[in-house]
C-alpha cells in the first residue's frame, strides 16, 4: 500500500523519531501550514491503513508506527515484484540498475549465509 505525500511526510516524523509515541498536537506542530484537523484526519487514516497504532492516554489519542520505514519499503519492493509474471527479469534489471556498492553488499549477504 502506498502513501500520499502528506501521509509520507507524517510517517517520516514517526520513522525519524525511532518509533516514538506522539499525539496529534505533537505531529501538527511539524505542519504549521496545515490545520490541526487535517493532521488528525491523516493520523486516523494512517491508523486505519495499518501504518500507525492508535491508543488512548487519558483523553489524548496517541500514535506510534506499526512498522519501520525499512519494513514499509520492503513491502513496496515485494509488492512490485509480485505484480510481474517474470520475476527473474525484474530482479536482473533491478540488480543492473542499483549502485555497484549495493550489488557488492547483496552479494556479500548471500555469500556469508551460504557458508
PDB file of N, CA and C in Angstrom:
ATOM      1  N   UNK A   1       0.850  -1.172   0.000  1.00  0.00           N
ATOM      2  CA  UNK A   1       0.000   0.000   0.000  1.00  0.00           C
ATOM      3  C   UNK A   1       0.900   1.240   0.000  1.00  0.00           C
ATOM      4  N   UNK A   2       0.589   2.159  -0.863  1.00  0.00           N
ATOM      5  CA  UNK A   2       1.419   3.353  -0.973  1.00  0.00           C
ATOM      6  C   UNK A   2       0.866   4.481  -0.101  1.00  0.00           C
ATOM      7  N   UNK A   3       1.696   5.464   0.101  1.00  0.00           N
ATOM      8  CA  UNK A   3       1.352   6.625   0.917  1.00  0.00           C
ATOM      9  C   UNK A   3       1.250   7.859   0.038  1.00  0.00           C
ATOM     10  N   UNK A   4       0.297   8.732   0.350  1.00  0.00           N
ATOM     11  CA  UNK A   4       0.236  10.031  -0.307  1.00  0.00           C
ATOM     12  C   UNK A   4       1.352  10.923   0.228  1.00  0.00           C
ATOM     13  N   UNK A   5       1.525  12.086  -0.381  1.00  0.00           N
ATOM     14  CA  UNK A   5       2.617  12.985   0.014  1.00  0.00           C
ATOM     15  C   UNK A   5       2.552  13.380   1.486  1.00  0.00           C
ATOM     16  N   UNK A   6       1.395  13.846   1.945  1.00  0.00           N
ATOM     17  CA  UNK A   6       1.269  14.267   3.342  1.00  0.00           C
ATOM     18  C   UNK A   6       1.373  13.065   4.278  1.00  0.00           C
ATOM     19  N   UNK A   7       0.801  11.945   3.880  1.00  0.00           N
ATOM     20  CA  UNK A   7       0.912  10.733   4.699  1.00  0.00           C
ATOM     21  C   UNK A   7       2.375  10.327   4.863  1.00  0.00           C
ATOM     22  N   UNK A   8       3.145  10.392   3.777  1.00  0.00           N
ATOM     23  CA  UNK A   8       4.561  10.030   3.854  1.00  0.00           C
ATOM     24  C   UNK A   8       5.314  11.007   4.754  1.00  0.00           C
ATOM     25  N   UNK A   9       5.002  12.291   4.647  1.00  0.00           N
ATOM     26  CA  UNK A   9       5.662  13.285   5.499  1.00  0.00           C
ATOM     27  C   UNK A   9       5.347  13.021   6.977  1.00  0.00           C
ATOM     28  N   UNK A  10       4.107  12.659   7.254  1.00  0.00           N
ATOM     29  CA  UNK A  10       3.727  12.348   8.637  1.00  0.00           C
ATOM     30  C   UNK A  10       4.460  11.097   9.104  1.00  0.00           C
ATOM     31  N   UNK A  11       4.484  10.067   8.264  1.00  0.00           N
ATOM     32  CA  UNK A  11       5.179   8.835   8.651  1.00  0.00           C
ATOM     33  C   UNK A  11       6.674   9.092   8.858  1.00  0.00           C
ATOM     34  N   UNK A  12       7.249   9.983   8.068  1.00  0.00           N
ATOM     35  CA  UNK A  12       8.671  10.311   8.244  1.00  0.00           C
ATOM     36  C   UNK A  12       8.937  10.851   9.651  1.00  0.00           C
ATOM     37  N   UNK A  13       7.997  11.602  10.203  1.00  0.00           N
ATOM     38  CA  UNK A  13       8.163  12.117  11.564  1.00  0.00           C
ATOM     39  C   UNK A  13       8.252  10.955  12.554  1.00  0.00           C
ATOM     40  N   UNK A  14       7.390   9.984  12.399  1.00  0.00           N
ATOM     41  CA  UNK A  14       7.423   8.819  13.292  1.00  0.00           C
ATOM     42  C   UNK A  14       8.690   8.000  13.060  1.00  0.00           C
ATOM     43  N   UNK A  15       9.001   7.724  11.800  1.00  0.00           N
ATOM     44  CA  UNK A  15      10.175   6.897  11.496  1.00  0.00           C
ATOM     45  C   UNK A  15      11.477   7.585  11.902  1.00  0.00           C
ATOM     46  N   UNK A  16      11.563   8.887  11.709  1.00  0.00           N
ATOM     47  CA  UNK A  16      12.765   9.622  12.119  1.00  0.00           C
ATOM     48  C   UNK A  16      12.857   9.723  13.639  1.00  0.00           C
ATOM     49  N   UNK A  17      11.735   9.558  14.322  1.00  0.00           N
ATOM     50  CA  UNK A  17      11.689   9.625  15.783  1.00  0.00           C
ATOM     51  C   UNK A  17      11.915   8.285  16.448  1.00  0.00           C
ATOM     52  N   UNK A  18      12.423   7.326  15.695  1.00  0.00           N
ATOM     53  CA  UNK A  18      12.746   5.995  16.245  1.00  0.00           C
ATOM     54  C   UNK A  18      11.567   5.341  16.950  1.00  0.00           C
ATOM     55  N   UNK A  19      10.388   5.435  16.343  1.00  0.00           N
ATOM     56  CA  UNK A  19       9.232   4.737  16.883  1.00  0.00           C
ATOM     57  C   UNK A  19       8.559   5.419  18.053  1.00  0.00           C
ATOM     58  N   UNK A  20       8.788   6.712  18.212  1.00  0.00           N
ATOM     59  CA  UNK A  20       8.212   7.447  19.339  1.00  0.00           C
ATOM     60  C   UNK A  20       6.688   7.431  19.280  1.00  0.00           C
ATOM     61  N   UNK A  21       6.062   7.510  20.437  1.00  0.00           N
ATOM     62  CA  UNK A  21       4.616   7.662  20.543  1.00  0.00           C
ATOM     63  C   UNK A  21       4.322   9.157  20.578  1.00  0.00           C
ATOM     64  N   UNK A  22       3.440   9.609  19.683  1.00  0.00           N
ATOM     65  CA  UNK A  22       3.151  11.032  19.546  1.00  0.00           C
ATOM     66  C   UNK A  22       1.659  11.290  19.587  1.00  0.00           C
ATOM     67  N   UNK A  23       1.312  12.509  19.986  1.00  0.00           N
ATOM     68  CA  UNK A  23      -0.086  12.945  19.964  1.00  0.00           C
ATOM     69  C   UNK A  23      -0.336  13.705  18.664  1.00  0.00           C
ATOM     70  N   UNK A  24      -1.601  13.998  18.406  1.00  0.00           N
ATOM     71  CA  UNK A  24      -1.944  14.799  17.226  1.00  0.00           C
ATOM     72  C   UNK A  24      -1.233  16.145  17.310  1.00  0.00           C
ATOM     73  N   UNK A  25      -1.244  16.735  18.487  1.00  0.00           N
ATOM     74  CA  UNK A  25      -0.596  18.046  18.655  1.00  0.00           C
ATOM     75  C   UNK A  25       0.906  17.975  18.369  1.00  0.00           C
ATOM     76  N   UNK A  26       1.554  16.893  18.806  1.00  0.00           N
ATOM     77  CA  UNK A  26       2.986  16.718  18.525  1.00  0.00           C
ATOM     78  C   UNK A  26       3.252  16.738  17.025  1.00  0.00           C
ATOM     79  N   UNK A  27       2.447  16.003  16.297  1.00  0.00           N
ATOM     80  CA  UNK A  27       2.640  15.899  14.851  1.00  0.00           C
ATOM     81  C   UNK A  27       2.248  17.207  14.165  1.00  0.00           C
ATOM     82  N   UNK A  28       1.130  17.788  14.583  1.00  0.00           N
ATOM     83  CA  UNK A  28       0.647  19.028  13.969  1.00  0.00           C
ATOM     84  C   UNK A  28       1.668  20.158  14.098  1.00  0.00           C
ATOM     85  N   UNK A  29       2.467  20.135  15.146  1.00  0.00           N
ATOM     86  CA  UNK A  29       3.486  21.183  15.334  1.00  0.00           C
ATOM     87  C   UNK A  29       4.501  21.191  14.193  1.00  0.00           C
ATOM     88  N   UNK A  30       4.666  20.073  13.519  1.00  0.00           N
ATOM     89  CA  UNK A  30       5.602  19.994  12.398  1.00  0.00           C
ATOM     90  C   UNK A  30       4.972  20.454  11.086  1.00  0.00           C
ATOM     91  N   UNK A  31       3.681  20.777  11.114  1.00  0.00           N
ATOM     92  CA  UNK A  31       2.958  21.183   9.906  1.00  0.00           C
ATOM     93  C   UNK A  31       2.173  22.467  10.153  1.00  0.00           C
ATOM     94  N   UNK A  32       2.887  23.579  10.345  1.00  0.00           N
ATOM     95  CA  UNK A  32       2.187  24.835  10.665  1.00  0.00           C
ATOM     96  C   UNK A  32       1.271  25.322   9.538  1.00  0.00           C
ATOM     97  N   UNK A  33       1.481  24.851   8.309  1.00  0.00           N
ATOM     98  CA  UNK A  33       0.648  25.280   7.189  1.00  0.00           C
ATOM     99  C   UNK A  33      -0.602  24.411   7.019  1.00  0.00           C
ATOM    100  N   UNK A  34      -0.780  23.416   7.886  1.00  0.00           N
ATOM    101  CA  UNK A  34      -1.943  22.543   7.815  1.00  0.00           C
ATOM    102  C   UNK A  34      -2.778  22.691   9.080  1.00  0.00           C
ATOM    103  N   UNK A  35      -4.085  22.587   8.907  1.00  0.00           N
ATOM    104  CA  UNK A  35      -4.992  22.664  10.059  1.00  0.00           C
ATOM    105  C   UNK A  35      -4.786  21.446  10.958  1.00  0.00           C
ATOM    106  N   UNK A  36      -4.991  21.669  12.239  1.00  0.00           N
ATOM    107  CA  UNK A  36      -4.905  20.589  13.228  1.00  0.00           C
ATOM    108  C   UNK A  36      -5.818  19.434  12.828  1.00  0.00           C
ATOM    109  N   UNK A  37      -7.023  19.765  12.367  1.00  0.00           N
ATOM    110  CA  UNK A  37      -7.986  18.727  11.991  1.00  0.00           C
ATOM    111  C   UNK A  37      -7.515  17.924  10.776  1.00  0.00           C
ATOM    112  N   UNK A  38      -6.773  18.560   9.890  1.00  0.00           N
ATOM    113  CA  UNK A  38      -6.224  17.843   8.734  1.00  0.00           C
ATOM    114  C   UNK A  38      -5.234  16.791   9.203  1.00  0.00           C
ATOM    115  N   UNK A  39      -4.374  17.173  10.127  1.00  0.00           N
ATOM    116  CA  UNK A  39      -3.377  16.228  10.655  1.00  0.00           C
ATOM    117  C   UNK A  39      -4.071  15.119  11.431  1.00  0.00           C
ATOM    118  N   UNK A  40      -5.110  15.472  12.182  1.00  0.00           N
ATOM    119  CA  UNK A  40      -5.868  14.465  12.921  1.00  0.00           C
ATOM    120  C   UNK A  40      -6.492  13.458  11.944  1.00  0.00           C
ATOM    121  N   UNK A  41      -7.018  13.933  10.843  1.00  0.00           N
ATOM    122  CA  UNK A  41      -7.606  13.050   9.828  1.00  0.00           C
ATOM    123  C   UNK A  41      -6.548  12.152   9.204  1.00  0.00           C
ATOM    124  N   UNK A  42      -5.396  12.715   8.889  1.00  0.00           N
ATOM    125  CA  UNK A  42      -4.308  11.926   8.294  1.00  0.00           C
ATOM    126  C   UNK A  42      -3.862  10.835   9.265  1.00  0.00           C
ATOM    127  N   UNK A  43      -3.716  11.171  10.537  1.00  0.00           N
ATOM    128  CA  UNK A  43      -3.311  10.176  11.536  1.00  0.00           C
ATOM    129  C   UNK A  43      -4.346   9.060  11.649  1.00  0.00           C
ATOM    130  N   UNK A  44      -5.619   9.430  11.657  1.00  0.00           N
ATOM    131  CA  UNK A  44      -6.687   8.417  11.735  1.00  0.00           C
ATOM    132  C   UNK A  44      -6.674   7.516  10.507  1.00  0.00           C
ATOM    133  N   UNK A  45      -6.455   8.097   9.343  1.00  0.00           N
ATOM    134  CA  UNK A  45      -6.394   7.293   8.113  1.00  0.00           C
ATOM    135  C   UNK A  45      -5.190   6.362   8.122  1.00  0.00           C
ATOM    136  N   UNK A  46      -4.053   6.873   8.587  1.00  0.00           N
ATOM    137  CA  UNK A  46      -2.853   6.030   8.656  1.00  0.00           C
ATOM    138  C   UNK A  46      -3.062   4.875   9.641  1.00  0.00           C
ATOM    139  N   UNK A  47      -3.780   5.141  10.719  1.00  0.00           N
ATOM    140  CA  UNK A  47      -4.098   4.066  11.665  1.00  0.00           C
ATOM    141  C   UNK A  47      -5.040   3.060  11.000  1.00  0.00           C
ATOM    142  N   UNK A  48      -6.013   3.555  10.269  1.00  0.00           N
ATOM    143  CA  UNK A  48      -6.946   2.685   9.569  1.00  0.00           C
ATOM    144  C   UNK A  48      -6.282   1.825   8.510  1.00  0.00           C
ATOM    145  N   UNK A  49      -5.237   2.353   7.891  1.00  0.00           N
ATOM    146  CA  UNK A  49      -4.492   1.612   6.868  1.00  0.00           C
ATOM    147  C   UNK A  49      -3.464   0.659   7.480  1.00  0.00           C
ATOM    148  N   UNK A  50      -3.276   0.748   8.808  1.00  0.00           N
ATOM    149  CA  UNK A  50      -2.336  -0.141   9.479  1.00  0.00           C
ATOM    150  C   UNK A  50      -0.914   0.384   9.588  1.00  0.00           C
ATOM    151  N   UNK A  51      -0.691   1.641   9.226  1.00  0.00           N
ATOM    152  CA  UNK A  51       0.646   2.220   9.335  1.00  0.00           C
ATOM    153  C   UNK A  51       0.957   2.689  10.745  1.00  0.00           C
ATOM    154  N   UNK A  52      -0.090   3.104  11.473  1.00  0.00           N
ATOM    155  CA  UNK A  52       0.080   3.582  12.843  1.00  0.00           C
ATOM    156  C   UNK A  52      -0.786   2.758  13.784  1.00  0.00           C
ATOM    157  N   UNK A  53      -0.327   2.649  15.016  1.00  0.00           N
ATOM    158  CA  UNK A  53      -1.101   2.033  16.083  1.00  0.00           C
ATOM    159  C   UNK A  53      -1.622   3.162  16.952  1.00  0.00           C
ATOM    160  N   UNK A  54      -2.918   3.184  17.177  1.00  0.00           N
ATOM    161  CA  UNK A  54      -3.549   4.258  17.948  1.00  0.00           C
ATOM    162  C   UNK A  54      -3.962   3.733  19.313  1.00  0.00           C
ATOM    163  N   UNK A  55      -3.743   4.552  20.331  1.00  0.00           N
ATOM    164  CA  UNK A  55      -4.196   4.193  21.667  1.00  0.00           C
ATOM    165  C   UNK A  55      -4.603   5.462  22.410  1.00  0.00           C
ATOM    166  N   UNK A  56      -5.211   5.267  23.556  1.00  0.00           N
ATOM    167  CA  UNK A  56      -5.652   6.392  24.386  1.00  0.00           C
ATOM    168  C   UNK A  56      -4.717   6.548  25.564  1.00  0.00           C
ATOM    169  N   UNK A  57      -4.366   7.793  25.865  1.00  0.00           N
ATOM    170  CA  UNK A  57      -3.618   8.132  27.059  1.00  0.00           C
ATOM    171  C   UNK A  57      -4.463   9.185  27.777  1.00  0.00           C
ATOM    172  N   UNK A  58      -5.363   8.712  28.628  1.00  0.00           N
ATOM    173  CA  UNK A  58      -6.335   9.625  29.218  1.00  0.00           C
ATOM    174  C   UNK A  58      -7.302  10.054  28.129  1.00  0.00           C
ATOM    175  N   UNK A  59      -7.378  11.354  27.898  1.00  0.00           N
ATOM    176  CA  UNK A  59      -8.252  11.872  26.840  1.00  0.00           C
ATOM    177  C   UNK A  59      -7.519  12.020  25.513  1.00  0.00           C
ATOM    178  N   UNK A  60      -6.208  11.853  25.549  1.00  0.00           N
ATOM    179  CA  UNK A  60      -5.404  12.040  24.331  1.00  0.00           C
ATOM    180  C   UNK A  60      -5.299  10.759  23.517  1.00  0.00           C
ATOM    181  N   UNK A  61      -5.435  10.911  22.212  1.00  0.00           N
ATOM    182  CA  UNK A  61      -5.129   9.804  21.315  1.00  0.00           C
ATOM    183  C   UNK A  61      -3.637   9.876  21.017  1.00  0.00           C
ATOM    184  N   UNK A  62      -2.972   8.746  21.138  1.00  0.00           N
ATOM    185  CA  UNK A  62      -1.547   8.695  20.821  1.00  0.00           C
ATOM    186  C   UNK A  62      -1.343   7.714  19.675  1.00  0.00           C
ATOM    187  N   UNK A  63      -0.269   7.927  18.953  1.00  0.00           N
ATOM    188  CA  UNK A  63       0.027   7.125  17.781  1.00  0.00           C
ATOM    189  C   UNK A  63       1.493   6.725  17.797  1.00  0.00           C
ATOM    190  N   UNK A  64       1.755   5.535  17.274  1.00  0.00           N
ATOM    191  CA  UNK A  64       3.131   5.087  17.091  1.00  0.00           C
ATOM    192  C   UNK A  64       3.163   4.237  15.832  1.00  0.00           C
ATOM    193  N   UNK A  65       4.315   4.149  15.201  1.00  0.00           N
ATOM    194  CA  UNK A  65       4.381   3.390  13.947  1.00  0.00           C
ATOM    195  C   UNK A  65       4.165   1.900  14.180  1.00  0.00           C
ATOM    196  N   UNK A  66       3.446   1.282  13.251  1.00  0.00           N
ATOM    197  CA  UNK A  66       3.198  -0.156  13.331  1.00  0.00           C
ATOM    198  C   UNK A  66       4.406  -0.940  12.830  1.00  0.00           C
ATOM    199  N   UNK A  67       5.214  -0.321  11.980  1.00  0.00           N
ATOM    200  CA  UNK A  67       6.394  -0.981  11.422  1.00  0.00           C
ATOM    201  C   UNK A  67       7.428   0.084  11.065  1.00  0.00           C
ATOM    202  N   UNK A  68       8.628  -0.355  10.819  1.00  0.00           N
ATOM    203  CA  UNK A  68       9.710   0.571  10.482  1.00  0.00           C
ATOM    204  C   UNK A  68       9.627   1.018   9.022  1.00  0.00           C
ATOM    205  N   UNK A  69      10.342   2.079   8.702  1.00  0.00           N
ATOM    206  CA  UNK A  69      10.445   2.545   7.321  1.00  0.00           C
ATOM    207  C   UNK A  69      10.996   1.429   6.431  1.00  0.00           C
ATOM    208  N   UNK A  70      11.968   0.688   6.942  1.00  0.00           N
ATOM    209  CA  UNK A  70      12.572  -0.394   6.172  1.00  0.00           C
ATOM    210  C   UNK A  70      11.550  -1.495   5.872  1.00  0.00           C
ATOM    211  N   UNK A  71      10.707  -1.800   6.849  1.00  0.00           N
ATOM    212  CA  UNK A  71       9.646  -2.789   6.624  1.00  0.00           C
ATOM    213  C   UNK A  71       8.671  -2.304   5.554  1.00  0.00           C
ATOM    214  N   UNK A  72       8.333  -1.014   5.585  1.00  0.00           N
ATOM    215  CA  UNK A  72       7.419  -0.449   4.596  1.00  0.00           C
ATOM    216  C   UNK A  72       8.023  -0.531   3.201  1.00  0.00           C
ATOM    217  N   UNK A  73       9.275  -0.115   3.063  1.00  0.00           N
ATOM    218  CA  UNK A  73       9.918  -0.131   1.745  1.00  0.00           C
ATOM    219  C   UNK A  73      10.071  -1.567   1.245  1.00  0.00           C
ATOM    220  N   UNK A  74      10.387  -2.477   2.145  1.00  0.00           N
ATOM    221  CA  UNK A  74      10.465  -3.889   1.765  1.00  0.00           C
ATOM    222  C   UNK A  74       9.125  -4.363   1.221  1.00  0.00           C
ATOM    223  N   UNK A  75       8.028  -3.973   1.872  1.00  0.00           N
ATOM    224  CA  UNK A  75       6.704  -4.395   1.396  1.00  0.00           C
ATOM    225  C   UNK A  75       6.408  -3.814   0.016  1.00  0.00           C
ATOM    226  N   UNK A  76       6.872  -2.574  -0.256  1.00  0.00           N
ATOM    227  CA  UNK A  76       6.686  -1.987  -1.587  1.00  0.00           C
ATOM    228  C   UNK A  76       7.455  -2.782  -2.643  1.00  0.00           C
ATOM    229  N   UNK A  77       8.694  -3.134  -2.317  1.00  0.00           N
ATOM    230  CA  UNK A  77       9.512  -3.907  -3.258  1.00  0.00           C
ATOM    231  C   UNK A  77       8.895  -5.277  -3.526  1.00  0.00           C
ATOM    232  N   UNK A  78       8.442  -5.933  -2.473  1.00  0.00           N
ATOM    233  CA  UNK A  78       7.832  -7.256  -2.640  1.00  0.00           C
ATOM    234  C   UNK A  78       6.522  -7.173  -3.413  1.00  0.00           C
ATOM    235  N   UNK A  79       5.752  -6.117  -3.180  1.00  0.00           N
ATOM    236  CA  UNK A  79       4.501  -5.927  -3.905  1.00  0.00           C
ATOM    237  C   UNK A  79       4.776  -5.689  -5.391  1.00  0.00           C
ATOM    238  N   UNK A  80       5.780  -4.874  -5.691  1.00  0.00           N
ATOM    239  CA  UNK A  80       6.140  -4.631  -7.089  1.00  0.00           C
ATOM    240  C   UNK A  80       6.607  -5.925  -7.745  1.00  0.00           C
ATOM    241  N   UNK A  81       7.383  -6.691  -7.046  1.00  0.00           N
ATOM    242  CA  UNK A  81       7.884  -7.956  -7.576  1.00  0.00           C
ATOM    243  C   UNK A  81       6.735  -8.946  -7.815  1.00  0.00           C
ATOM    244  N   UNK A  82       5.759  -8.934  -6.935  1.00  0.00           N
ATOM    245  CA  UNK A  82       4.616  -9.837  -7.067  1.00  0.00           C
ATOM    246  C   UNK A  82       3.721  -9.470  -8.251  1.00  0.00           C
ATOM    247  N   UNK A  83       3.848  -8.248  -8.756  1.00  0.00           N
ATOM    248  CA  UNK A  83       2.968  -7.792  -9.835  1.00  0.00           C
ATOM    249  C   UNK A  83       3.485  -8.157 -11.227  1.00  0.00           C
ATOM    250  N   UNK A  84       4.576  -8.894 -11.298  1.00  0.00           N
ATOM    251  CA  UNK A  84       5.131  -9.262 -12.597  1.00  0.00           C
ATOM    252  C   UNK A  84       5.026 -10.764 -12.842  1.00  0.00           C
ATOM    253  N   UNK A  85       4.984 -11.110 -14.112  1.00  0.00           N
ATOM    254  CA  UNK A  85       4.984 -12.529 -14.474  1.00  0.00           C
ATOM    255  C   UNK A  85       6.407 -13.057 -14.640  1.00  0.00           C
ATOM    256  N   UNK A  86       7.371 -12.141 -14.754  1.00  0.00           N
ATOM    257  CA  UNK A  86       8.761 -12.558 -14.971  1.00  0.00           C
ATOM    258  C   UNK A  86       9.648 -11.966 -13.877  1.00  0.00           C
ATOM    259  N   UNK A  87       9.599 -12.590 -12.722  1.00  0.00           N
ATOM    260  CA  UNK A  87      10.358 -12.105 -11.562  1.00  0.00           C
ATOM    261  C   UNK A  87      11.850 -12.057 -11.849  1.00  0.00           C
ATOM    262  N   UNK A  88      12.362 -13.043 -12.564  1.00  0.00           N
ATOM    263  CA  UNK A  88      13.801 -13.077 -12.846  1.00  0.00           C
ATOM    264  C   UNK A  88      14.223 -11.887 -13.690  1.00  0.00           C
ATOM    265  N   UNK A  89      13.401 -11.504 -14.658  1.00  0.00           N
ATOM    266  CA  UNK A  89      13.725 -10.332 -15.485  1.00  0.00           C
ATOM    267  C   UNK A  89      13.742  -9.059 -14.640  1.00  0.00           C
ATOM    268  N   UNK A  90      12.767  -8.939 -13.748  1.00  0.00           N
ATOM    269  CA  UNK A  90      12.705  -7.751 -12.883  1.00  0.00           C
ATOM    270  C   UNK A  90      13.902  -7.723 -11.940  1.00  0.00           C
ATOM    271  N   UNK A  91      14.222  -8.860 -11.328  1.00  0.00           N
ATOM    272  CA  UNK A  91      15.366  -8.910 -10.417  1.00  0.00           C
ATOM    273  C   UNK A  91      16.676  -8.623 -11.147  1.00  0.00           C
ATOM    274  N   UNK A  92      16.801  -9.133 -12.378  1.00  0.00           N
ATOM    275  CA  UNK A  92      18.004  -8.872 -13.173  1.00  0.00           C
ATOM    276  C   UNK A  92      18.125  -7.385 -13.493  1.00  0.00           C
ATOM    277  N   UNK A  93      17.021  -6.784 -13.913  1.00  0.00           N
ATOM    278  CA  UNK A  93      17.033  -5.347 -14.223  1.00  0.00           C
ATOM    279  C   UNK A  93      17.316  -4.519 -12.973  1.00  0.00           C
ATOM    280  N   UNK A  94      16.742  -4.930 -11.845  1.00  0.00           N
ATOM    281  CA  UNK A  94      16.980  -4.228 -10.584  1.00  0.00           C
ATOM    282  C   UNK A  94      18.449  -4.302 -10.204  1.00  0.00           C
ATOM    283  N   UNK A  95      19.013  -5.499 -10.271  1.00  0.00           N
ATOM    284  CA  UNK A  95      20.424  -5.680  -9.899  1.00  0.00           C
ATOM    285  C   UNK A  95      21.336  -4.857 -10.810  1.00  0.00           C
ATOM    286  N   UNK A  96      20.972  -4.758 -12.080  1.00  0.00           N
ATOM    287  CA  UNK A  96      21.780  -3.969 -13.015  1.00  0.00           C
ATOM    288  C   UNK A  96      21.643  -2.468 -12.751  1.00  0.00           C
ATOM    289  N   UNK A  97      20.494  -2.061 -12.209  1.00  0.00           N
ATOM    290  CA  UNK A  97      20.232  -0.630 -12.014  1.00  0.00           C
ATOM    291  C   UNK A  97      20.769  -0.079 -10.698  1.00  0.00           C
ATOM    292  N   UNK A  98      20.987  -0.934  -9.706  1.00  0.00           N
ATOM    293  CA  UNK A  98      21.421  -0.408  -8.410  1.00  0.00           C
ATOM    294  C   UNK A  98      22.915  -0.087  -8.424  1.00  0.00           C
ATOM    295  N   UNK A  99      23.307   0.692  -7.476  1.00  0.00           N
ATOM    296  CA  UNK A  99      24.702   1.105  -7.328  1.00  0.00           C
ATOM    297  C   UNK A  99      25.589  -0.130  -7.132  1.00  0.00           C
ATOM    298  N   UNK A 100      26.766  -0.147  -7.745  1.00  0.00           N
ATOM    299  CA  UNK A 100      27.671  -1.288  -7.580  1.00  0.00           C
ATOM    300  C   UNK A 100      27.975  -1.619  -6.111  1.00  0.00           C
ATOM    301  N   UNK A 101      28.027  -0.615  -5.253  1.00  0.00           N
ATOM    302  CA  UNK A 101      28.264  -0.868  -3.824  1.00  0.00           C
ATOM    303  C   UNK A 101      27.127  -1.692  -3.233  1.00  0.00           C
ATOM    304  N   UNK A 102      25.898  -1.401  -3.658  1.00  0.00           N
ATOM    305  CA  UNK A 102      24.748  -2.165  -3.171  1.00  0.00           C
ATOM    306  C   UNK A 102      24.774  -3.600  -3.701  1.00  0.00           C
ATOM    307  N   UNK A 103      25.195  -3.767  -4.956  1.00  0.00           N
ATOM    308  CA  UNK A 103      25.326  -5.127  -5.509  1.00  0.00           C
ATOM    309  C   UNK A 103      26.338  -5.935  -4.712  1.00  0.00           C
ATOM    310  N   UNK A 104      27.481  -5.306  -4.385  1.00  0.00           N
ATOM    311  CA  UNK A 104      28.504  -5.993  -3.585  1.00  0.00           C
ATOM    312  C   UNK A 104      27.968  -6.344  -2.204  1.00  0.00           C
ATOM    313  N   UNK A 105      27.213  -5.434  -1.627  1.00  0.00           N
ATOM    314  CA  UNK A 105      26.620  -5.687  -0.310  1.00  0.00           C
ATOM    315  C   UNK A 105      25.698  -6.902  -0.378  1.00  0.00           C
ATOM    316  N   UNK A 106      24.807  -6.927  -1.366  1.00  0.00           N
ATOM    317  CA  UNK A 106      23.890  -8.068  -1.517  1.00  0.00           C
ATOM    318  C   UNK A 106      24.646  -9.369  -1.764  1.00  0.00           C
ATOM    319  N   UNK A 107      25.642  -9.303  -2.615  1.00  0.00           N
ATOM    320  CA  UNK A 107      26.442 -10.495  -2.885  1.00  0.00           C
ATOM    321  C   UNK A 107      27.087 -10.991  -1.591  1.00  0.00           C
ATOM    322  N   UNK A 108      27.587 -10.078  -0.792  1.00  0.00           N
ATOM    323  CA  UNK A 108      28.213 -10.445   0.484  1.00  0.00           C
ATOM    324  C   UNK A 108      27.228 -11.058   1.460  1.00  0.00           C
ATOM    325  N   UNK A 109      25.996 -10.550   1.466  1.00  0.00           N
ATOM    326  CA  UNK A 109      24.976 -11.123   2.347  1.00  0.00           C
ATOM    327  C   UNK A 109      24.755 -12.596   2.051  1.00  0.00           C
ATOM    328  N   UNK A 110      24.618 -12.918   0.784  1.00  0.00           N
ATOM    329  CA  UNK A 110      24.312 -14.289   0.420  1.00  0.00           C
ATOM    330  C   UNK A 110      25.541 -15.179   0.427  1.00  0.00           C
ATOM    331  N   UNK A 111      26.702 -14.608   0.261  1.00  0.00           N
ATOM    332  CA  UNK A 111      27.931 -15.387   0.349  1.00  0.00           C
ATOM    333  C   UNK A 111      28.157 -15.824   1.781  1.00  0.00           C
ATOM    334  N   UNK A 112      27.945 -14.902   2.733  1.00  0.00           N
ATOM    335  CA  UNK A 112      28.126 -15.212   4.159  1.00  0.00           C
ATOM    336  C   UNK A 112      27.109 -16.237   4.629  1.00  0.00           C
ATOM    337  N   UNK A 113      25.875 -16.131   4.160  1.00  0.00           N
ATOM    338  CA  UNK A 113      24.821 -17.041   4.616  1.00  0.00           C
ATOM    339  C   UNK A 113      25.009 -18.447   4.087  1.00  0.00           C
ATOM    340  N   UNK A 114      25.620 -18.596   2.916  1.00  0.00           N
ATOM    341  CA  UNK A 114      25.751 -19.925   2.334  1.00  0.00           C
ATOM    342  C   UNK A 114      26.977 -20.685   2.843  1.00  0.00           C
ATOM    343  N   UNK A 115      27.785 -20.043   3.634  1.00  0.00           N
ATOM    344  CA  UNK A 115      28.979 -20.710   4.173  1.00  0.00           C
ATOM    345  C   UNK A 115      28.665 -21.633   5.298  1.00  0.00           C
TER     346      UNK A 115
END
